[in-house]
């Protein structure tokens, strides 16, 4: 798969998560995405979960009216690291994933 194809798919998943994610829980959104990706097999389950996690964090930050800089500080990440995660240049490592999940579970 080419880089452009992968980037396009990741953007589409993000838009799907943001759109229907308002009406369905994360598990349902994940199942829909997995079903759509099943035949093409472009992304594995872990990559899909990471895409949804980052999208959820961004949505929560928007509801809290946090700037990208404030969000990065809240997550104990550099602005460059958050931008890389948020633009899907890379996926979160295990420590970052734990931090993102903790952020989502906080009030």
PDB file of N, CA and C in Angstrom:
ATOM      1  N   UNK A   1       0.848  -1.171   0.000  1.00  0.00           N
ATOM      2  CA  UNK A   1       0.000   0.000   0.000  1.00  0.00           C
ATOM      3  C   UNK A   1       0.893   1.233   0.000  1.00  0.00           C
ATOM      4  N   UNK A   2       0.544   2.208  -0.823  1.00  0.00           N
ATOM      5  CA  UNK A   2       1.304   3.436  -0.892  1.00  0.00           C
ATOM      6  C   UNK A   2       1.036   4.335   0.293  1.00  0.00           C
ATOM      7  N   UNK A   3       1.942   5.255   0.521  1.00  0.00           N
ATOM      8  CA  UNK A   3       1.817   6.200   1.629  1.00  0.00           C
ATOM      9  C   UNK A   3       0.560   7.047   1.465  1.00  0.00           C
ATOM     10  N   UNK A   4       0.272   7.451   0.235  1.00  0.00           N
ATOM     11  CA  UNK A   4      -0.919   8.276   0.001  1.00  0.00           C
ATOM     12  C   UNK A   4      -2.193   7.506   0.331  1.00  0.00           C
ATOM     13  N   UNK A   5      -2.230   6.221  -0.046  1.00  0.00           N
ATOM     14  CA  UNK A   5      -3.406   5.396   0.246  1.00  0.00           C
ATOM     15  C   UNK A   5      -3.620   5.273   1.748  1.00  0.00           C
ATOM     16  N   UNK A   6      -2.544   5.016   2.459  1.00  0.00           N
ATOM     17  CA  UNK A   6      -2.621   4.848   3.912  1.00  0.00           C
ATOM     18  C   UNK A   6      -3.060   6.149   4.582  1.00  0.00           C
ATOM     19  N   UNK A   7      -2.486   7.263   4.131  1.00  0.00           N
ATOM     20  CA  UNK A   7      -2.845   8.565   4.682  1.00  0.00           C
ATOM     21  C   UNK A   7      -4.319   8.867   4.428  1.00  0.00           C
ATOM     22  N   UNK A   8      -4.789   8.566   3.232  1.00  0.00           N
ATOM     23  CA  UNK A   8      -6.190   8.783   2.892  1.00  0.00           C
ATOM     24  C   UNK A   8      -7.098   7.952   3.799  1.00  0.00           C
ATOM     25  N   UNK A   9      -6.759   6.688   3.986  1.00  0.00           N
ATOM     26  CA  UNK A   9      -7.565   5.796   4.830  1.00  0.00           C
ATOM     27  C   UNK A   9      -7.591   6.316   6.264  1.00  0.00           C
ATOM     28  N   UNK A  10      -6.457   6.754   6.775  1.00  0.00           N
ATOM     29  CA  UNK A  10      -6.420   7.255   8.153  1.00  0.00           C
ATOM     30  C   UNK A  10      -7.265   8.512   8.306  1.00  0.00           C
ATOM     31  N   UNK A  11      -7.237   9.401   7.323  1.00  0.00           N
ATOM     32  CA  UNK A  11      -8.089  10.596   7.379  1.00  0.00           C
ATOM     33  C   UNK A  11      -9.564  10.220   7.331  1.00  0.00           C
ATOM     34  N   UNK A  12      -9.896   9.236   6.505  1.00  0.00           N
ATOM     35  CA  UNK A  12     -11.284   8.789   6.403  1.00  0.00           C
ATOM     36  C   UNK A  12     -11.766   8.182   7.723  1.00  0.00           C
ATOM     37  N   UNK A  13     -10.923   7.398   8.349  1.00  0.00           N
ATOM     38  CA  UNK A  13     -11.289   6.798   9.638  1.00  0.00           C
ATOM     39  C   UNK A  13     -11.507   7.882  10.677  1.00  0.00           C
ATOM     40  N   UNK A  14     -10.645   8.860  10.669  1.00  0.00           N
ATOM     41  CA  UNK A  14     -10.784   9.957  11.629  1.00  0.00           C
ATOM     42  C   UNK A  14     -12.100  10.701  11.420  1.00  0.00           C
ATOM     43  N   UNK A  15     -12.426  11.002  10.183  1.00  0.00           N
ATOM     44  CA  UNK A  15     -13.680  11.698   9.898  1.00  0.00           C
ATOM     45  C   UNK A  15     -14.879  10.850  10.289  1.00  0.00           C
ATOM     46  N   UNK A  16     -14.799   9.569  10.034  1.00  0.00           N
ATOM     47  CA  UNK A  16     -15.875   8.662  10.425  1.00  0.00           C
ATOM     48  C   UNK A  16     -16.027   8.641  11.938  1.00  0.00           C
ATOM     49  N   UNK A  17     -14.917   8.550  12.630  1.00  0.00           N
ATOM     50  CA  UNK A  17     -14.954   8.521  14.095  1.00  0.00           C
ATOM     51  C   UNK A  17     -15.532   9.807  14.664  1.00  0.00           C
ATOM     52  N   UNK A  18     -15.161  10.930  14.078  1.00  0.00           N
ATOM     53  CA  UNK A  18     -15.677  12.210  14.558  1.00  0.00           C
ATOM     54  C   UNK A  18     -17.160  12.358  14.258  1.00  0.00           C
ATOM     55  N   UNK A  19     -17.592  11.882  13.097  1.00  0.00           N
ATOM     56  CA  UNK A  19     -18.989  12.028  12.702  1.00  0.00           C
ATOM     57  C   UNK A  19     -19.927  11.117  13.468  1.00  0.00           C
ATOM     58  N   UNK A  20     -19.756   9.825  13.293  1.00  0.00           N
ATOM     59  CA  UNK A  20     -20.685   8.901  13.956  1.00  0.00           C
ATOM     60  C   UNK A  20     -20.310   8.647  15.407  1.00  0.00           C
ATOM     61  N   UNK A  21     -19.105   9.047  15.772  1.00  0.00           N
ATOM     62  CA  UNK A  21     -18.676   8.889  17.164  1.00  0.00           C
ATOM     63  C   UNK A  21     -19.512   9.704  18.132  1.00  0.00           C
ATOM     64  N   UNK A  22     -20.214  10.703  17.609  1.00  0.00           N
ATOM     65  CA  UNK A  22     -21.089  11.518  18.452  1.00  0.00           C
ATOM     66  C   UNK A  22     -22.349  10.757  18.827  1.00  0.00           C
ATOM     67  N   UNK A  23     -22.692   9.752  18.020  1.00  0.00           N
ATOM     68  CA  UNK A  23     -23.945   9.027  18.223  1.00  0.00           C
ATOM     69  C   UNK A  23     -23.753   7.606  18.734  1.00  0.00           C
ATOM     70  N   UNK A  24     -22.565   7.048  18.496  1.00  0.00           N
ATOM     71  CA  UNK A  24     -22.297   5.671  18.883  1.00  0.00           C
ATOM     72  C   UNK A  24     -21.134   5.618  19.859  1.00  0.00           C
ATOM     73  N   UNK A  25     -21.083   4.554  20.645  1.00  0.00           N
ATOM     74  CA  UNK A  25     -19.944   4.407  21.541  1.00  0.00           C
ATOM     75  C   UNK A  25     -18.721   3.944  20.744  1.00  0.00           C
ATOM     76  N   UNK A  26     -17.576   4.000  21.388  1.00  0.00           N
ATOM     77  CA  UNK A  26     -16.317   3.705  20.703  1.00  0.00           C
ATOM     78  C   UNK A  26     -16.278   2.269  20.181  1.00  0.00           C
ATOM     79  N   UNK A  27     -16.846   1.357  20.932  1.00  0.00           N
ATOM     80  CA  UNK A  27     -16.842  -0.045  20.513  1.00  0.00           C
ATOM     81  C   UNK A  27     -17.605  -0.214  19.198  1.00  0.00           C
ATOM     82  N   UNK A  28     -18.733   0.453  19.076  1.00  0.00           N
ATOM     83  CA  UNK A  28     -19.526   0.371  17.848  1.00  0.00           C
ATOM     84  C   UNK A  28     -18.786   0.989  16.667  1.00  0.00           C
ATOM     85  N   UNK A  29     -18.164   2.131  16.890  1.00  0.00           N
ATOM     86  CA  UNK A  29     -17.394   2.789  15.835  1.00  0.00           C
ATOM     87  C   UNK A  29     -16.250   1.880  15.393  1.00  0.00           C
ATOM     88  N   UNK A  30     -15.575   1.274  16.360  1.00  0.00           N
ATOM     89  CA  UNK A  30     -14.467   0.366  16.051  1.00  0.00           C
ATOM     90  C   UNK A  30     -14.944  -0.795  15.195  1.00  0.00           C
ATOM     91  N   UNK A  31     -16.075  -1.371  15.547  1.00  0.00           N
ATOM     92  CA  UNK A  31     -16.604  -2.500  14.778  1.00  0.00           C
ATOM     93  C   UNK A  31     -16.960  -2.093  13.348  1.00  0.00           C
ATOM     94  N   UNK A  32     -17.534  -0.923  13.178  1.00  0.00           N
ATOM     95  CA  UNK A  32     -17.868  -0.440  11.836  1.00  0.00           C
ATOM     96  C   UNK A  32     -16.598  -0.276  11.012  1.00  0.00           C
ATOM     97  N   UNK A  33     -15.587   0.329  11.597  1.00  0.00           N
ATOM     98  CA  UNK A  33     -14.332   0.548  10.877  1.00  0.00           C
ATOM     99  C   UNK A  33     -13.669  -0.778  10.547  1.00  0.00           C
ATOM    100  N   UNK A  34     -13.638  -1.687  11.500  1.00  0.00           N
ATOM    101  CA  UNK A  34     -13.037  -3.002  11.243  1.00  0.00           C
ATOM    102  C   UNK A  34     -13.766  -3.725  10.116  1.00  0.00           C
ATOM    103  N   UNK A  35     -15.074  -3.620  10.106  1.00  0.00           N
ATOM    104  CA  UNK A  35     -15.850  -4.275   9.055  1.00  0.00           C
ATOM    105  C   UNK A  35     -15.505  -3.695   7.688  1.00  0.00           C
ATOM    106  N   UNK A  36     -15.380  -2.369   7.626  1.00  0.00           N
ATOM    107  CA  UNK A  36     -15.039  -1.724   6.358  1.00  0.00           C
ATOM    108  C   UNK A  36     -13.611  -2.042   5.922  1.00  0.00           C
ATOM    109  N   UNK A  37     -12.711  -2.194   6.885  1.00  0.00           N
ATOM    110  CA  UNK A  37     -11.305  -2.458   6.581  1.00  0.00           C
ATOM    111  C   UNK A  37     -11.014  -3.941   6.385  1.00  0.00           C
ATOM    112  N   UNK A  38     -11.977  -4.780   6.703  1.00  0.00           N
ATOM    113  CA  UNK A  38     -11.769  -6.224   6.682  1.00  0.00           C
ATOM    114  C   UNK A  38     -11.269  -6.722   5.330  1.00  0.00           C
ATOM    115  N   UNK A  39     -11.899  -6.289   4.272  1.00  0.00           N
ATOM    116  CA  UNK A  39     -11.529  -6.765   2.945  1.00  0.00           C
ATOM    117  C   UNK A  39     -10.217  -6.161   2.448  1.00  0.00           C
ATOM    118  N   UNK A  40      -9.997  -4.904   2.737  1.00  0.00           N
ATOM    119  CA  UNK A  40      -8.791  -4.255   2.224  1.00  0.00           C
ATOM    120  C   UNK A  40      -7.574  -4.549   3.087  1.00  0.00           C
ATOM    121  N   UNK A  41      -7.787  -4.807   4.375  1.00  0.00           N
ATOM    122  CA  UNK A  41      -6.703  -5.152   5.301  1.00  0.00           C
ATOM    123  C   UNK A  41      -5.573  -4.122   5.286  1.00  0.00           C
ATOM    124  N   UNK A  42      -5.939  -2.829   5.155  1.00  0.00           N
ATOM    125  CA  UNK A  42      -4.942  -1.770   5.095  1.00  0.00           C
ATOM    126  C   UNK A  42      -4.394  -1.411   6.473  1.00  0.00           C
ATOM    127  N   UNK A  43      -5.226  -1.542   7.495  1.00  0.00           N
ATOM    128  CA  UNK A  43      -4.812  -1.207   8.854  1.00  0.00           C
ATOM    129  C   UNK A  43      -5.141  -2.370   9.776  1.00  0.00           C
ATOM    130  N   UNK A  44      -4.258  -2.620  10.727  1.00  0.00           N
ATOM    131  CA  UNK A  44      -4.553  -3.681  11.686  1.00  0.00           C
ATOM    132  C   UNK A  44      -5.363  -3.105  12.854  1.00  0.00           C
ATOM    133  N   UNK A  45      -5.839  -3.977  13.725  1.00  0.00           N
ATOM    134  CA  UNK A  45      -6.702  -3.560  14.832  1.00  0.00           C
ATOM    135  C   UNK A  45      -6.023  -2.543  15.749  1.00  0.00           C
ATOM    136  N   UNK A  46      -4.757  -2.745  16.035  1.00  0.00           N
ATOM    137  CA  UNK A  46      -4.038  -1.816  16.924  1.00  0.00           C
ATOM    138  C   UNK A  46      -3.958  -0.425  16.300  1.00  0.00           C
ATOM    139  N   UNK A  47      -3.719  -0.356  14.997  1.00  0.00           N
ATOM    140  CA  UNK A  47      -3.649   0.943  14.327  1.00  0.00           C
ATOM    141  C   UNK A  47      -5.007   1.635  14.338  1.00  0.00           C
ATOM    142  N   UNK A  48      -6.063   0.885  14.128  1.00  0.00           N
ATOM    143  CA  UNK A  48      -7.410   1.461  14.181  1.00  0.00           C
ATOM    144  C   UNK A  48      -7.694   1.987  15.583  1.00  0.00           C
ATOM    145  N   UNK A  49      -7.363   1.196  16.601  1.00  0.00           N
ATOM    146  CA  UNK A  49      -7.570   1.637  17.989  1.00  0.00           C
ATOM    147  C   UNK A  49      -6.795   2.914  18.288  1.00  0.00           C
ATOM    148  N   UNK A  50      -5.565   2.999  17.796  1.00  0.00           N
ATOM    149  CA  UNK A  50      -4.761   4.200  18.012  1.00  0.00           C
ATOM    150  C   UNK A  50      -5.354   5.412  17.315  1.00  0.00           C
ATOM    151  N   UNK A  51      -5.847   5.232  16.106  1.00  0.00           N
ATOM    152  CA  UNK A  51      -6.495   6.336  15.389  1.00  0.00           C
ATOM    153  C   UNK A  51      -7.700   6.856  16.160  1.00  0.00           C
ATOM    154  N   UNK A  52      -8.509   5.935  16.651  1.00  0.00           N
ATOM    155  CA  UNK A  52      -9.702   6.332  17.407  1.00  0.00           C
ATOM    156  C   UNK A  52      -9.336   6.991  18.728  1.00  0.00           C
ATOM    157  N   UNK A  53      -8.301   6.493  19.374  1.00  0.00           N
ATOM    158  CA  UNK A  53      -7.863   7.075  20.645  1.00  0.00           C
ATOM    159  C   UNK A  53      -7.440   8.530  20.451  1.00  0.00           C
ATOM    160  N   UNK A  54      -6.633   8.782  19.454  1.00  0.00           N
ATOM    161  CA  UNK A  54      -6.168  10.147  19.199  1.00  0.00           C
ATOM    162  C   UNK A  54      -7.345  11.050  18.822  1.00  0.00           C
ATOM    163  N   UNK A  55      -8.262  10.542  18.011  1.00  0.00           N
ATOM    164  CA  UNK A  55      -9.441  11.327  17.643  1.00  0.00           C
ATOM    165  C   UNK A  55     -10.288  11.651  18.867  1.00  0.00           C
ATOM    166  N   UNK A  56     -10.441  10.689  19.777  1.00  0.00           N
ATOM    167  CA  UNK A  56     -11.205  10.920  21.011  1.00  0.00           C
ATOM    168  C   UNK A  56     -10.542  11.981  21.887  1.00  0.00           C
ATOM    169  N   UNK A  57      -9.223  11.918  21.984  1.00  0.00           N
ATOM    170  CA  UNK A  57      -8.492  12.910  22.784  1.00  0.00           C
ATOM    171  C   UNK A  57      -8.677  14.300  22.172  1.00  0.00           C
ATOM    172  N   UNK A  58      -8.572  14.388  20.869  1.00  0.00           N
ATOM    173  CA  UNK A  58      -8.739  15.689  20.213  1.00  0.00           C
ATOM    174  C   UNK A  58     -10.155  16.239  20.436  1.00  0.00           C
ATOM    175  N   UNK A  59     -11.153  15.376  20.359  1.00  0.00           N
ATOM    176  CA  UNK A  59     -12.529  15.824  20.582  1.00  0.00           C
ATOM    177  C   UNK A  59     -12.734  16.306  22.015  1.00  0.00           C
ATOM    178  N   UNK A  60     -12.180  15.578  22.979  1.00  0.00           N
ATOM    179  CA  UNK A  60     -12.314  16.006  24.375  1.00  0.00           C
ATOM    180  C   UNK A  60     -11.603  17.342  24.587  1.00  0.00           C
ATOM    181  N   UNK A  61     -10.431  17.491  24.010  1.00  0.00           N
ATOM    182  CA  UNK A  61      -9.685  18.748  24.144  1.00  0.00           C
ATOM    183  C   UNK A  61     -10.481  19.907  23.542  1.00  0.00           C
ATOM    184  N   UNK A  62     -11.142  19.665  22.418  1.00  0.00           N
ATOM    185  CA  UNK A  62     -11.962  20.711  21.793  1.00  0.00           C
ATOM    186  C   UNK A  62     -13.131  21.094  22.695  1.00  0.00           C
ATOM    187  N   UNK A  63     -13.767  20.090  23.314  1.00  0.00           N
ATOM    188  CA  UNK A  63     -14.869  20.389  24.239  1.00  0.00           C
ATOM    189  C   UNK A  63     -14.382  21.189  25.445  1.00  0.00           C
ATOM    190  N   UNK A  64     -13.144  20.918  25.865  1.00  0.00           N
ATOM    191  CA  UNK A  64     -12.562  21.633  26.998  1.00  0.00           C
ATOM    192  C   UNK A  64     -11.943  22.960  26.582  1.00  0.00           C
ATOM    193  N   UNK A  65     -11.955  23.218  25.269  1.00  0.00           N
ATOM    194  CA  UNK A  65     -11.383  24.437  24.695  1.00  0.00           C
ATOM    195  C   UNK A  65      -9.888  24.576  25.010  1.00  0.00           C
ATOM    196  N   UNK A  66      -9.179  23.451  24.933  1.00  0.00           N
ATOM    197  CA  UNK A  66      -7.734  23.456  25.140  1.00  0.00           C
ATOM    198  C   UNK A  66      -7.033  23.722  23.813  1.00  0.00           C
ATOM    199  N   UNK A  67      -6.055  24.589  23.841  1.00  0.00           N
ATOM    200  CA  UNK A  67      -5.236  24.799  22.650  1.00  0.00           C
ATOM    201  C   UNK A  67      -4.346  23.568  22.472  1.00  0.00           C
ATOM    202  N   UNK A  68      -3.754  23.430  21.294  1.00  0.00           N
ATOM    203  CA  UNK A  68      -2.839  22.300  21.075  1.00  0.00           C
ATOM    204  C   UNK A  68      -1.688  22.348  22.064  1.00  0.00           C
ATOM    205  N   UNK A  69      -1.200  23.550  22.331  1.00  0.00           N
ATOM    206  CA  UNK A  69      -0.083  23.703  23.272  1.00  0.00           C
ATOM    207  C   UNK A  69      -0.499  23.295  24.685  1.00  0.00           C
ATOM    208  N   UNK A  70      -1.683  23.742  25.129  1.00  0.00           N
ATOM    209  CA  UNK A  70      -2.159  23.379  26.464  1.00  0.00           C
ATOM    210  C   UNK A  70      -2.440  21.884  26.569  1.00  0.00           C
ATOM    211  N   UNK A  71      -2.975  21.312  25.509  1.00  0.00           N
ATOM    212  CA  UNK A  71      -3.231  19.876  25.512  1.00  0.00           C
ATOM    213  C   UNK A  71      -1.919  19.106  25.612  1.00  0.00           C
ATOM    214  N   UNK A  72      -0.929  19.511  24.843  1.00  0.00           N
ATOM    215  CA  UNK A  72       0.374  18.841  24.895  1.00  0.00           C
ATOM    216  C   UNK A  72       0.945  18.898  26.305  1.00  0.00           C
ATOM    217  N   UNK A  73       0.837  20.057  26.953  1.00  0.00           N
ATOM    218  CA  UNK A  73       1.322  20.189  28.334  1.00  0.00           C
ATOM    219  C   UNK A  73       0.535  19.287  29.274  1.00  0.00           C
ATOM    220  N   UNK A  74      -0.776  19.255  29.112  1.00  0.00           N
ATOM    221  CA  UNK A  74      -1.627  18.411  29.947  1.00  0.00           C
ATOM    222  C   UNK A  74      -1.241  16.944  29.795  1.00  0.00           C
ATOM    223  N   UNK A  75      -0.874  16.557  28.588  1.00  0.00           N
ATOM    224  CA  UNK A  75      -0.500  15.170  28.311  1.00  0.00           C
ATOM    225  C   UNK A  75       0.979  14.891  28.588  1.00  0.00           C
ATOM    226  N   UNK A  76       1.699  15.897  29.012  1.00  0.00           N
ATOM    227  CA  UNK A  76       3.148  15.789  29.247  1.00  0.00           C
ATOM    228  C   UNK A  76       3.889  15.371  27.976  1.00  0.00           C
ATOM    229  N   UNK A  77       3.464  15.949  26.876  1.00  0.00           N
ATOM    230  CA  UNK A  77       4.107  15.714  25.586  1.00  0.00           C
ATOM    231  C   UNK A  77       4.644  17.031  25.055  1.00  0.00           C
ATOM    232  N   UNK A  78       5.633  16.941  24.204  1.00  0.00           N
ATOM    233  CA  UNK A  78       6.064  18.158  23.519  1.00  0.00           C
ATOM    234  C   UNK A  78       5.011  18.489  22.465  1.00  0.00           C
ATOM    235  N   UNK A  79       4.958  19.744  22.065  1.00  0.00           N
ATOM    236  CA  UNK A  79       4.013  20.137  21.019  1.00  0.00           C
ATOM    237  C   UNK A  79       4.273  19.349  19.742  1.00  0.00           C
ATOM    238  N   UNK A  80       5.544  19.117  19.432  1.00  0.00           N
ATOM    239  CA  UNK A  80       5.903  18.361  18.227  1.00  0.00           C
ATOM    240  C   UNK A  80       5.400  16.922  18.307  1.00  0.00           C
ATOM    241  N   UNK A  81       5.511  16.308  19.494  1.00  0.00           N
ATOM    242  CA  UNK A  81       5.022  14.933  19.651  1.00  0.00           C
ATOM    243  C   UNK A  81       3.510  14.868  19.484  1.00  0.00           C
ATOM    244  N   UNK A  82       2.776  15.818  20.089  1.00  0.00           N
ATOM    245  CA  UNK A  82       1.327  15.804  19.938  1.00  0.00           C
ATOM    246  C   UNK A  82       0.934  16.021  18.469  1.00  0.00           C
ATOM    247  N   UNK A  83       1.600  16.947  17.799  1.00  0.00           N
ATOM    248  CA  UNK A  83       1.288  17.202  16.383  1.00  0.00           C
ATOM    249  C   UNK A  83       1.546  15.952  15.543  1.00  0.00           C
ATOM    250  N   UNK A  84       2.614  15.231  15.841  1.00  0.00           N
ATOM    251  CA  UNK A  84       2.918  14.000  15.098  1.00  0.00           C
ATOM    252  C   UNK A  84       1.834  12.950  15.324  1.00  0.00           C
ATOM    253  N   UNK A  85       1.368  12.833  16.559  1.00  0.00           N
ATOM    254  CA  UNK A  85       0.300  11.877  16.867  1.00  0.00           C
ATOM    255  C   UNK A  85      -1.013  12.316  16.216  1.00  0.00           C
ATOM    256  N   UNK A  86      -1.318  13.581  16.341  1.00  0.00           N
ATOM    257  CA  UNK A  86      -2.593  14.111  15.870  1.00  0.00           C
ATOM    258  C   UNK A  86      -2.691  14.131  14.339  1.00  0.00           C
ATOM    259  N   UNK A  87      -1.558  14.188  13.669  1.00  0.00           N
ATOM    260  CA  UNK A  87      -1.560  14.174  12.208  1.00  0.00           C
ATOM    261  C   UNK A  87      -1.255  12.773  11.668  1.00  0.00           C
ATOM    262  N   UNK A  88      -1.185  11.806  12.568  1.00  0.00           N
ATOM    263  CA  UNK A  88      -0.958  10.398  12.215  1.00  0.00           C
ATOM    264  C   UNK A  88       0.358  10.164  11.501  1.00  0.00           C
ATOM    265  N   UNK A  89       1.345  11.001  11.831  1.00  0.00           N
ATOM    266  CA  UNK A  89       2.686  10.756  11.313  1.00  0.00           C
ATOM    267  C   UNK A  89       3.286   9.545  12.019  1.00  0.00           C
ATOM    268  N   UNK A  90       2.782   9.289  13.223  1.00  0.00           N
ATOM    269  CA  UNK A  90       3.193   8.106  13.983  1.00  0.00           C
ATOM    270  C   UNK A  90       2.091   7.762  14.969  1.00  0.00           C
ATOM    271  N   UNK A  91       2.151   6.557  15.482  1.00  0.00           N
ATOM    272  CA  UNK A  91       1.187   6.115  16.475  1.00  0.00           C
ATOM    273  C   UNK A  91       1.795   6.244  17.870  1.00  0.00           C
ATOM    274  N   UNK A  92       0.960   6.363  18.903  1.00  0.00           N
ATOM    275  CA  UNK A  92       1.495   6.497  20.260  1.00  0.00           C
ATOM    276  C   UNK A  92       2.199   5.227  20.721  1.00  0.00           C
ATOM    277  N   UNK A  93       3.288   5.433  21.473  1.00  0.00           N
ATOM    278  CA  UNK A  93       3.934   4.280  22.100  1.00  0.00           C
ATOM    279  C   UNK A  93       3.114   3.888  23.332  1.00  0.00           C
ATOM    280  N   UNK A  94       3.511   2.863  24.040  1.00  0.00           N
ATOM    281  CA  UNK A  94       2.700   2.365  25.157  1.00  0.00           C
ATOM    282  C   UNK A  94       2.544   3.402  26.272  1.00  0.00           C
ATOM    283  N   UNK A  95       3.590   4.162  26.560  1.00  0.00           N
ATOM    284  CA  UNK A  95       3.510   5.192  27.599  1.00  0.00           C
ATOM    285  C   UNK A  95       2.555   6.304  27.175  1.00  0.00           C
ATOM    286  N   UNK A  96       2.677   6.753  25.944  1.00  0.00           N
ATOM    287  CA  UNK A  96       1.788   7.803  25.436  1.00  0.00           C
ATOM    288  C   UNK A  96       0.343   7.308  25.389  1.00  0.00           C
ATOM    289  N   UNK A  97       0.167   6.067  25.002  1.00  0.00           N
ATOM    290  CA  UNK A  97      -1.189   5.498  24.945  1.00  0.00           C
ATOM    291  C   UNK A  97      -1.829   5.503  26.334  1.00  0.00           C
ATOM    292  N   UNK A  98      -1.069   5.129  27.338  1.00  0.00           N
ATOM    293  CA  UNK A  98      -1.573   5.142  28.714  1.00  0.00           C
ATOM    294  C   UNK A  98      -1.955   6.557  29.121  1.00  0.00           C
ATOM    295  N   UNK A  99      -1.124   7.526  28.770  1.00  0.00           N
ATOM    296  CA  UNK A  99      -1.396   8.933  29.088  1.00  0.00           C
ATOM    297  C   UNK A  99      -2.663   9.414  28.386  1.00  0.00           C
ATOM    298  N   UNK A 100      -2.833   9.064  27.130  1.00  0.00           N
ATOM    299  CA  UNK A 100      -4.018   9.479  26.379  1.00  0.00           C
ATOM    300  C   UNK A 100      -5.279   8.856  26.970  1.00  0.00           C
ATOM    301  N   UNK A 101      -5.216   7.579  27.329  1.00  0.00           N
ATOM    302  CA  UNK A 101      -6.364   6.906  27.928  1.00  0.00           C
ATOM    303  C   UNK A 101      -6.715   7.519  29.281  1.00  0.00           C
ATOM    304  N   UNK A 102      -5.693   7.864  30.048  1.00  0.00           N
ATOM    305  CA  UNK A 102      -5.920   8.492  31.354  1.00  0.00           C
ATOM    306  C   UNK A 102      -6.623   9.839  31.169  1.00  0.00           C
ATOM    307  N   UNK A 103      -6.182  10.611  30.195  1.00  0.00           N
ATOM    308  CA  UNK A 103      -6.804  11.898  29.898  1.00  0.00           C
ATOM    309  C   UNK A 103      -8.280  11.710  29.570  1.00  0.00           C
ATOM    310  N   UNK A 104      -8.597  10.718  28.770  1.00  0.00           N
ATOM    311  CA  UNK A 104      -9.991  10.470  28.394  1.00  0.00           C
ATOM    312  C   UNK A 104     -10.850  10.061  29.589  1.00  0.00           C
ATOM    313  N   UNK A 105     -10.255   9.354  30.532  1.00  0.00           N
ATOM    314  CA  UNK A 105     -11.012   8.864  31.684  1.00  0.00           C
ATOM    315  C   UNK A 105     -11.158   9.866  32.812  1.00  0.00           C
ATOM    316  N   UNK A 106     -10.433  10.967  32.722  1.00  0.00           N
ATOM    317  CA  UNK A 106     -10.568  12.016  33.737  1.00  0.00           C
ATOM    318  C   UNK A 106     -11.861  12.783  33.506  1.00  0.00           C
ATOM    319  N   UNK A 107     -12.340  13.414  34.563  1.00  0.00           N
ATOM    320  CA  UNK A 107     -13.582  14.201  34.461  1.00  0.00           C
ATOM    321  C   UNK A 107     -13.504  15.019  33.256  1.00  0.00           C
TER     322      UNK A 107
END
